[in-house]
Each structure stands twice: as C-alpha cells, then as structure tokens.
Amino acid sequence: MAGQDEADAAMFLPWPEASTSEGDDRENVSDADNSDGSARVFDPERLAMWPVLRIGMVLDPAQGEFGGVEPFRANLEERLGIPAVVVAFSSLSRLQAGLLRGEVDYASLSTTAFVDAQERCSCLDPLAVPMDEAGASGWTLLAIVPKGRRFSGLENLGSARIALAPEGSTAGRRLPLALLEVAGVSSDEARLVEEAGPLEAVGAVLAGRADVAFGWRPATRDGTFAEGGTLAALLARNGVVPAVDAIPLLGPIPSAPHVARTDLPESLRQELRGVLATWSDSGERPAGSGAFQPVSQKDFDLLAPLTAGGGAKNAVRGRLRPLVPR
C-alpha cells in the first residue's frame, strides 16, 4: 500500500489560487469576492466548524478546466457560507487516494471507485448521483444471450462459453465475474472468451463463439429502462437490431456518486445534499450536468459482490470527467 500511496500522491492545484496554500493548511483562507467585486462575508459559526471545503476533481488546469467548474464551486461556497476550493487530480485513482487520506472533503467518484474506497475506510457518505434528461440515474447489468436461447441463471453457466470485455469494463467483466463467483462458478474453471471490448463480446455471442456476454442499460431508480447502453451502442455501430435477448441481472446500480467524508460535519453534508437536490433549478449547468438524485449507502449494498468476490480490483483506473452524468 505504501508504494501505491506514493504513486497516487495528490496533484495539488487549488482554485481559487489565493484561497489556500498547498497541502492541508486550512487556516490560510481569505474571503472570496462576489460577482460585483464586493467581499463575500462567510458564516462565522460555520467557519469555526469547518474553515474551508476542499472539493476534489479530475481536472486538467492547463486546458482551462477550472473555469468550467467555477459556477459549481461558487454555488457551494455561497450556500455553505464557508470558502470552497477545487483541488485538481490528474486521475481518478489519485482522486480516490486523496479522498481516503483526507486531502479533500468532497468529490465525485465512479461507482466502483466509491465501493472500493468505502470498503477500505467506511469513511464516506454518498450524497447524490447525476440524472440524465430521461431521468436515468443508474444502470442495470444485463446477461446477453442469442435470441430465444433459454437463460437459467448465473449458477448454471459453469459449462458455458462466457465472453468478457477487458479489465477496464465494470458491466462487461468485473461485476459479472464477481457475481459468478458468488453463484459458485469459478473464473478459473469457466470457459472464458476474451474480447477486445463490450461490443465485441456481444459480437462473439452473435457469431456463435460464445454463449453469453454482459452489458448494461440506463435505468431510473425504480428500475424503468431508458435509452442507451450496450445494445444501443451496437445498433448505432451496425445499423441493425442485434439478434439477442438481454436479461436483467442486477440493478438499478447508482451512477457515479458525489460523496463527502464523514468527518465533514453532518449539517454541512445535509446542506450539500440540499444544493445537489436543487441544482437543476440553479440555472447553472457546468460541464453538462443537470439534476441529481439523492442516494444513501443502502443504494450501493447490491454491489457487495464486488468486494466479497474481489471484483473491485483495479476498480479505480481511468479518468472521470467532473460532474458529467454517465
């Protein structure tokens, strides 16, 4: 772990630059300016409680991305009554490590990065997940089989040819393997067909090289399907409806959650929930974000196989763009 922590050291680039110094010095904070140039006055009681909210994001400051999230930062600062700074990280794994070490107080993680982090520390409070215009705030895991083929459950796939996407795919590999382990089907004994990507895994089923593949489809909190996901991407690429059946396995699984450390006072965490709950009414939509759906830890309990079955290994690789519904 020591080697990983060193490799995942935070890249501290706070914004606004005048608000805080490098590291964990939260005393060196000055009042911000309002849009009219006047000094913003912060809440003395809240300042005594928590002098500055540090917001971790995956950003590239060289591309001017601080400016894109400035409306979000300013909104939080105004609503909470304390200074808020954005701390940039170069990757999702570094953001996760910084959150675990307490270098930031609040961040948006991928679903699997959150599950992995919570397993390590039990120190995070999920607040809300983004919703798209169709109201989808999560996704459902699908088993994809040839049209008309009977599917009798994961526990009966021991002799089946199972098409898998590469390591980076949650729906196409990590979660199915974890669920198979729980169902008693060992990945060491299964007949695994390695494919270049999730769509290629479905292509293997269509071509008869595999009996089952896995994918996903956007879903609302009550489980209603929305447009998009693996089969929609295959239709867009090939121009025809795939001759497969998609059987829901697990869901709805929440999208990438906004989370706060539990050492942030409860009153501030509740205020953050309030900001996100009313975000679509704020008139500001940085980086394409719209409304948010409140969540709690129990909404993620269905992902317990990810940790119990080891499926969260390498869960935090890749980049997570800030505040963009997925």
Protein backbone atom coordinates (compact mmCIF):
# COMPACT_ATOMS: atom_id res chain seq x y z
CA MET A 1 0.00 0.00 0.00
CA ALA A 2 2.87 2.39 0.72
CA GLY A 3 4.08 2.17 -2.86
CA GLN A 4 0.57 2.76 -4.18
CA ASP A 5 0.06 5.78 -1.93
CA GLU A 6 3.29 7.33 -3.19
CA ALA A 7 2.31 6.70 -6.80
CA ASP A 8 -1.14 8.15 -6.22
CA ALA A 9 0.06 11.30 -4.45
CA ALA A 10 -2.30 14.22 -4.98
CA MET A 11 -1.52 16.90 -7.53
CA PHE A 12 -2.45 19.98 -5.50
CA LEU A 13 -3.60 22.80 -7.75
CA PRO A 14 -6.25 24.63 -5.72
CA TRP A 15 -8.68 27.11 -7.24
CA PRO A 16 -9.03 29.98 -6.48
CA GLU A 17 -5.25 30.05 -6.02
CA ALA A 18 -5.36 32.81 -3.39
CA SER A 19 -7.73 30.89 -1.15
CA THR A 20 -5.49 28.18 0.21
CA SER A 21 -1.90 27.07 0.28
CA GLU A 22 -0.53 23.70 -0.83
CA GLY A 23 -1.28 20.73 1.39
CA ASP A 24 -3.66 20.63 4.33
CA ASP A 25 -3.27 24.21 5.60
CA ARG A 26 -6.90 25.17 6.03
CA GLU A 27 -6.17 28.25 8.14
CA ASN A 28 -4.80 30.35 5.29
CA VAL A 29 -8.17 31.20 3.77
CA SER A 30 -9.38 34.66 2.81
CA ASP A 31 -12.88 35.90 1.96
CA ALA A 32 -13.80 35.50 -1.71
CA ASP A 33 -15.22 38.18 -3.99
CA ASN A 34 -18.81 38.30 -5.15
CA SER A 35 -19.63 38.83 -8.81
CA ASP A 36 -20.00 42.60 -8.18
CA GLY A 37 -16.48 42.81 -6.76
CA SER A 38 -17.54 43.14 -3.11
CA ALA A 39 -16.02 40.89 -0.47
CA ARG A 40 -18.08 37.83 0.37
CA VAL A 41 -18.85 37.50 4.08
CA PHE A 42 -18.79 33.95 5.39
CA ASP A 43 -20.79 32.46 8.26
CA PRO A 44 -18.66 32.81 11.45
CA GLU A 45 -20.26 29.79 13.13
CA ARG A 46 -19.67 27.57 10.13
CA LEU A 47 -16.14 28.90 9.69
CA ALA A 48 -15.42 27.84 13.26
CA MET A 49 -16.88 24.43 12.47
CA TRP A 50 -15.06 23.87 9.14
CA PRO A 51 -12.84 26.63 7.72
CA VAL A 52 -12.81 25.55 4.03
CA LEU A 53 -14.48 22.91 1.87
CA ARG A 54 -11.90 21.16 -0.35
CA ILE A 55 -13.55 19.78 -3.49
CA GLY A 56 -11.55 17.10 -5.32
CA MET A 57 -11.99 16.78 -9.08
CA VAL A 58 -10.23 15.14 -12.01
CA LEU A 59 -9.21 18.22 -13.99
CA ASP A 60 -6.55 19.44 -16.38
CA PRO A 61 -5.82 23.03 -15.32
CA ALA A 62 -3.67 23.54 -18.42
CA GLN A 63 -6.86 23.16 -20.50
CA GLY A 64 -8.70 25.84 -18.52
CA GLU A 65 -11.00 23.33 -16.83
CA PHE A 66 -11.05 25.22 -13.53
CA GLY A 67 -13.21 27.83 -15.23
CA GLY A 68 -15.73 25.20 -16.31
CA VAL A 69 -16.48 24.15 -12.74
CA GLU A 70 -16.32 27.64 -11.22
CA PRO A 71 -20.15 28.04 -11.11
CA PHE A 72 -20.38 24.80 -9.12
CA ARG A 73 -17.63 25.85 -6.69
CA ALA A 74 -19.14 29.31 -6.22
CA ASN A 75 -22.61 27.85 -5.64
CA LEU A 76 -21.32 25.56 -2.89
CA GLU A 77 -19.36 28.40 -1.31
CA GLU A 78 -22.41 30.67 -1.22
CA ARG A 79 -24.81 28.01 0.07
CA LEU A 80 -22.48 26.64 2.76
CA GLY A 81 -21.24 30.01 3.97
CA ILE A 82 -17.60 28.89 4.02
CA PRO A 83 -14.78 29.17 1.46
CA ALA A 84 -14.67 26.39 -1.13
CA VAL A 85 -11.64 25.46 -3.22
CA VAL A 86 -11.25 22.96 -6.06
CA VAL A 87 -8.22 20.66 -5.85
CA ALA A 88 -7.23 19.10 -9.19
CA PHE A 89 -6.11 15.50 -9.54
CA SER A 90 -4.69 14.02 -12.70
CA SER A 91 -6.58 10.70 -12.47
CA LEU A 92 -9.47 9.01 -10.74
CA SER A 93 -7.14 6.75 -8.75
CA ARG A 94 -5.29 9.79 -7.39
CA LEU A 95 -8.55 11.49 -6.50
CA GLN A 96 -9.72 8.38 -4.66
CA ALA A 97 -6.42 8.14 -2.76
CA GLY A 98 -6.58 11.83 -1.83
CA LEU A 99 -10.11 11.42 -0.53
CA LEU A 100 -9.09 8.39 1.53
CA ARG A 101 -6.16 10.31 3.03
CA GLY A 102 -8.38 13.26 3.93
CA GLU A 103 -6.72 15.67 1.49
CA VAL A 104 -10.16 16.67 0.17
CA ASP A 105 -13.57 16.66 1.80
CA TYR A 106 -15.90 16.14 -1.16
CA ALA A 107 -15.62 14.53 -4.59
CA SER A 108 -17.39 12.69 -7.38
CA LEU A 109 -16.19 9.10 -7.80
CA SER A 110 -17.11 6.35 -10.21
CA THR A 111 -19.44 3.76 -8.70
CA THR A 112 -16.73 1.12 -8.38
CA ALA A 113 -14.18 3.63 -7.05
CA PHE A 114 -16.67 4.55 -4.32
CA VAL A 115 -17.40 0.91 -3.44
CA ASP A 116 -13.68 0.18 -3.27
CA ALA A 117 -12.94 3.28 -1.16
CA GLN A 118 -15.80 2.58 1.25
CA GLU A 119 -14.55 -0.98 1.70
CA ARG A 120 -11.15 0.41 2.70
CA CYS A 121 -12.21 3.10 5.14
CA SER A 122 -16.01 3.22 5.80
CA CYS A 123 -15.44 6.97 5.94
CA LEU A 124 -17.60 8.22 3.06
CA ASP A 125 -21.19 9.41 2.87
CA PRO A 126 -22.83 9.13 -0.59
CA LEU A 127 -24.92 12.23 -1.24
CA ALA A 128 -26.41 12.10 -4.75
CA VAL A 129 -25.91 10.80 -8.28
CA PRO A 130 -26.44 12.69 -11.55
CA MET A 131 -29.57 12.14 -13.64
CA ASP A 132 -29.74 12.48 -17.40
CA GLU A 133 -32.56 14.16 -19.31
CA ALA A 134 -34.52 10.89 -19.43
CA GLY A 135 -34.39 10.60 -15.64
CA ALA A 136 -31.85 7.76 -15.60
CA SER A 137 -29.65 7.88 -12.51
CA GLY A 138 -28.18 4.41 -12.71
CA TRP A 139 -27.90 1.28 -14.81
CA THR A 140 -28.90 -2.36 -14.88
CA LEU A 141 -26.50 -5.23 -15.55
CA LEU A 142 -27.64 -7.48 -18.40
CA ALA A 143 -26.87 -11.04 -19.47
CA ILE A 144 -26.91 -11.10 -23.27
CA VAL A 145 -27.71 -14.42 -24.98
CA PRO A 146 -28.74 -15.50 -28.52
CA LYS A 147 -32.33 -14.67 -29.43
CA GLY A 148 -34.70 -17.27 -28.00
CA ARG A 149 -31.98 -19.06 -26.02
CA ARG A 150 -33.14 -20.12 -22.54
CA PHE A 151 -31.17 -18.49 -19.72
CA SER A 152 -31.43 -20.36 -16.43
CA GLY A 153 -29.25 -18.21 -14.18
CA LEU A 154 -25.61 -17.50 -13.47
CA GLU A 155 -25.21 -20.62 -11.34
CA ASN A 156 -25.72 -22.77 -14.47
CA LEU A 157 -23.00 -21.15 -16.59
CA GLY A 158 -20.21 -23.47 -15.46
CA SER A 159 -20.00 -25.14 -18.89
CA ALA A 160 -20.99 -22.11 -20.97
CA ARG A 161 -18.63 -20.04 -23.10
CA ILE A 162 -18.58 -16.63 -21.39
CA ALA A 163 -17.49 -13.63 -23.45
CA LEU A 164 -15.77 -10.92 -21.41
CA ALA A 165 -14.66 -7.36 -22.09
CA PRO A 166 -11.16 -6.25 -20.94
CA GLU A 167 -10.18 -5.37 -17.35
CA GLY A 168 -11.47 -1.81 -17.55
CA SER A 169 -15.12 -2.78 -18.03
CA THR A 170 -17.36 -2.93 -14.95
CA ALA A 171 -20.50 -4.22 -16.70
CA GLY A 172 -18.63 -6.34 -19.24
CA ARG A 173 -16.22 -8.04 -16.84
CA ARG A 174 -15.67 -7.05 -13.19
CA LEU A 175 -19.23 -7.26 -11.91
CA PRO A 176 -20.20 -10.40 -13.86
CA LEU A 177 -17.09 -12.25 -12.65
CA ALA A 178 -17.85 -11.23 -9.06
CA LEU A 179 -21.46 -12.40 -9.37
CA LEU A 180 -20.35 -15.67 -10.98
CA GLU A 181 -18.05 -16.32 -8.02
CA VAL A 182 -20.96 -15.70 -5.63
CA ALA A 183 -23.08 -18.11 -7.71
CA GLY A 184 -20.41 -20.79 -7.35
CA VAL A 185 -18.93 -20.52 -10.86
CA SER A 186 -15.17 -20.08 -10.52
CA SER A 187 -13.49 -17.89 -13.14
CA ASP A 188 -10.59 -20.38 -13.06
CA GLU A 189 -12.90 -23.17 -14.21
CA ALA A 190 -15.22 -21.23 -16.54
CA ARG A 191 -14.71 -21.20 -20.32
CA LEU A 192 -13.82 -17.54 -20.76
CA VAL A 193 -13.72 -15.93 -24.20
CA GLU A 194 -11.60 -12.79 -24.07
CA GLU A 195 -12.75 -10.00 -26.38
CA ALA A 196 -11.39 -6.53 -27.22
CA GLY A 197 -14.38 -4.64 -25.79
CA PRO A 198 -18.01 -4.91 -24.60
CA LEU A 199 -19.44 -4.67 -28.12
CA GLU A 200 -17.01 -7.29 -29.37
CA ALA A 201 -18.16 -9.58 -26.52
CA VAL A 202 -21.74 -9.30 -27.77
CA GLY A 203 -20.41 -9.85 -31.28
CA ALA A 204 -18.92 -13.14 -30.10
CA VAL A 205 -22.40 -14.25 -29.00
CA LEU A 206 -23.87 -13.23 -32.36
CA ALA A 207 -21.12 -15.10 -34.19
CA GLY A 208 -21.61 -18.26 -32.12
CA ARG A 209 -18.17 -18.07 -30.46
CA ALA A 210 -19.75 -17.54 -27.02
CA ASP A 211 -22.98 -18.45 -25.25
CA VAL A 212 -23.35 -15.35 -23.08
CA ALA A 213 -21.94 -11.85 -22.76
CA PHE A 214 -22.74 -8.99 -20.40
CA GLY A 215 -23.74 -5.38 -20.86
CA TRP A 216 -25.74 -2.58 -19.33
CA ARG A 217 -28.71 -0.30 -19.92
CA PRO A 218 -29.55 3.04 -18.26
CA ALA A 219 -32.25 2.79 -15.62
CA THR A 220 -34.23 5.05 -13.34
CA ARG A 221 -34.27 4.50 -9.59
CA ASP A 222 -37.46 2.42 -9.84
CA GLY A 223 -35.83 0.16 -12.43
CA THR A 224 -37.53 1.58 -15.54
CA PHE A 225 -35.25 1.31 -18.57
CA ALA A 226 -34.09 4.34 -20.53
CA GLU A 227 -32.50 4.53 -23.97
CA GLY A 228 -28.80 3.79 -24.29
CA GLY A 229 -26.30 1.22 -23.13
CA THR A 230 -24.57 -1.73 -24.78
CA LEU A 231 -27.25 -2.80 -27.27
CA ALA A 232 -27.99 0.79 -28.29
CA ALA A 233 -24.29 1.28 -29.00
CA LEU A 234 -24.26 -1.92 -31.07
CA LEU A 235 -27.30 -0.74 -33.03
CA ALA A 236 -25.65 2.63 -33.68
CA ARG A 237 -22.47 0.93 -34.89
CA ASN A 238 -24.02 -1.78 -37.08
CA GLY A 239 -27.32 -0.17 -38.05
CA VAL A 240 -29.38 -3.26 -37.18
CA VAL A 241 -31.09 -4.54 -34.02
CA PRO A 242 -28.90 -7.31 -32.54
CA ALA A 243 -30.49 -10.78 -32.61
CA VAL A 244 -30.06 -11.27 -28.87
CA ASP A 245 -32.09 -11.23 -25.69
CA ALA A 246 -31.00 -9.05 -22.76
CA ILE A 247 -31.90 -10.46 -19.35
CA PRO A 248 -31.67 -8.07 -16.35
CA LEU A 249 -29.35 -9.48 -13.69
CA LEU A 250 -28.78 -6.72 -11.17
CA GLY A 251 -29.94 -3.16 -10.72
CA PRO A 252 -30.62 -0.40 -10.77
CA ILE A 253 -26.99 0.32 -9.85
CA PRO A 254 -26.41 4.00 -8.97
CA SER A 255 -24.34 6.15 -11.30
CA ALA A 256 -21.12 7.92 -10.24
CA PRO A 257 -21.89 9.32 -6.77
CA HIS A 258 -20.95 12.64 -5.23
CA VAL A 259 -19.58 11.77 -1.78
CA ALA A 260 -18.34 13.55 1.33
CA ARG A 261 -16.06 12.32 4.07
CA THR A 262 -17.95 11.52 7.25
CA ASP A 263 -15.67 13.78 9.30
CA LEU A 264 -17.30 16.71 7.50
CA PRO A 265 -19.97 17.92 9.96
CA GLU A 266 -23.42 16.45 9.39
CA SER A 267 -25.00 19.88 8.96
CA LEU A 268 -22.65 20.65 6.05
CA ARG A 269 -23.30 17.25 4.47
CA GLN A 270 -27.03 17.89 4.65
CA GLU A 271 -26.50 21.31 3.08
CA LEU A 272 -24.54 19.65 0.27
CA ARG A 273 -27.45 17.28 -0.29
CA GLY A 274 -29.75 20.29 -0.48
CA VAL A 275 -27.53 22.02 -3.05
CA LEU A 276 -27.48 18.95 -5.27
CA ALA A 277 -31.22 18.30 -4.86
CA THR A 278 -31.99 21.79 -6.20
CA TRP A 279 -29.15 22.01 -8.70
CA SER A 280 -31.35 21.78 -11.81
CA ASP A 281 -33.15 24.92 -10.59
CA SER A 282 -29.95 26.92 -10.15
CA GLY A 283 -29.62 27.97 -13.79
CA GLU A 284 -26.01 26.79 -13.83
CA ARG A 285 -25.07 23.52 -15.54
CA PRO A 286 -21.28 23.23 -15.62
CA ALA A 287 -19.79 20.52 -17.81
CA GLY A 288 -23.25 19.40 -18.91
CA SER A 289 -24.63 18.40 -15.53
CA GLY A 290 -28.35 18.60 -14.84
CA ALA A 291 -30.38 17.27 -11.94
CA PHE A 292 -29.21 14.96 -9.15
CA GLN A 293 -30.93 12.05 -7.40
CA PRO A 294 -30.34 11.70 -3.62
CA VAL A 295 -28.79 8.38 -2.56
CA SER A 296 -27.68 6.64 0.61
CA GLN A 297 -25.32 3.79 1.44
CA LYS A 298 -28.09 1.20 1.16
CA ASP A 299 -28.47 2.03 -2.55
CA PHE A 300 -24.99 0.54 -3.07
CA ASP A 301 -25.49 -2.58 -0.95
CA LEU A 302 -26.34 -4.68 -4.04
CA LEU A 303 -22.69 -4.21 -5.12
CA ALA A 304 -21.37 -6.19 -2.15
CA PRO A 305 -20.17 -8.96 -4.53
CA LEU A 306 -17.62 -6.51 -5.94
CA THR A 307 -15.74 -6.59 -2.66
CA ALA A 308 -16.68 -10.07 -1.44
CA GLY A 309 -15.69 -11.61 -4.78
CA GLY A 310 -12.68 -9.44 -5.42
CA GLY A 311 -14.37 -7.73 -8.34
CA ALA A 312 -13.33 -4.26 -7.18
CA LYS A 313 -9.69 -4.99 -8.02
CA ASN A 314 -8.40 -2.22 -10.31
CA ALA A 315 -11.79 -0.55 -9.92
CA VAL A 316 -10.45 2.99 -9.94
CA ARG A 317 -8.47 3.01 -13.16
CA GLY A 318 -9.26 5.58 -15.84
CA ARG A 319 -10.46 9.17 -15.90
CA LEU A 320 -13.72 10.54 -14.57
CA ARG A 321 -14.76 13.85 -16.08
CA PRO A 322 -16.21 16.17 -13.44
CA LEU A 323 -19.95 16.50 -12.98
CA VAL A 324 -20.92 14.79 -16.25
CA PRO A 325 -23.84 12.34 -15.98
CA ARG A 326 -22.81 8.92 -17.24
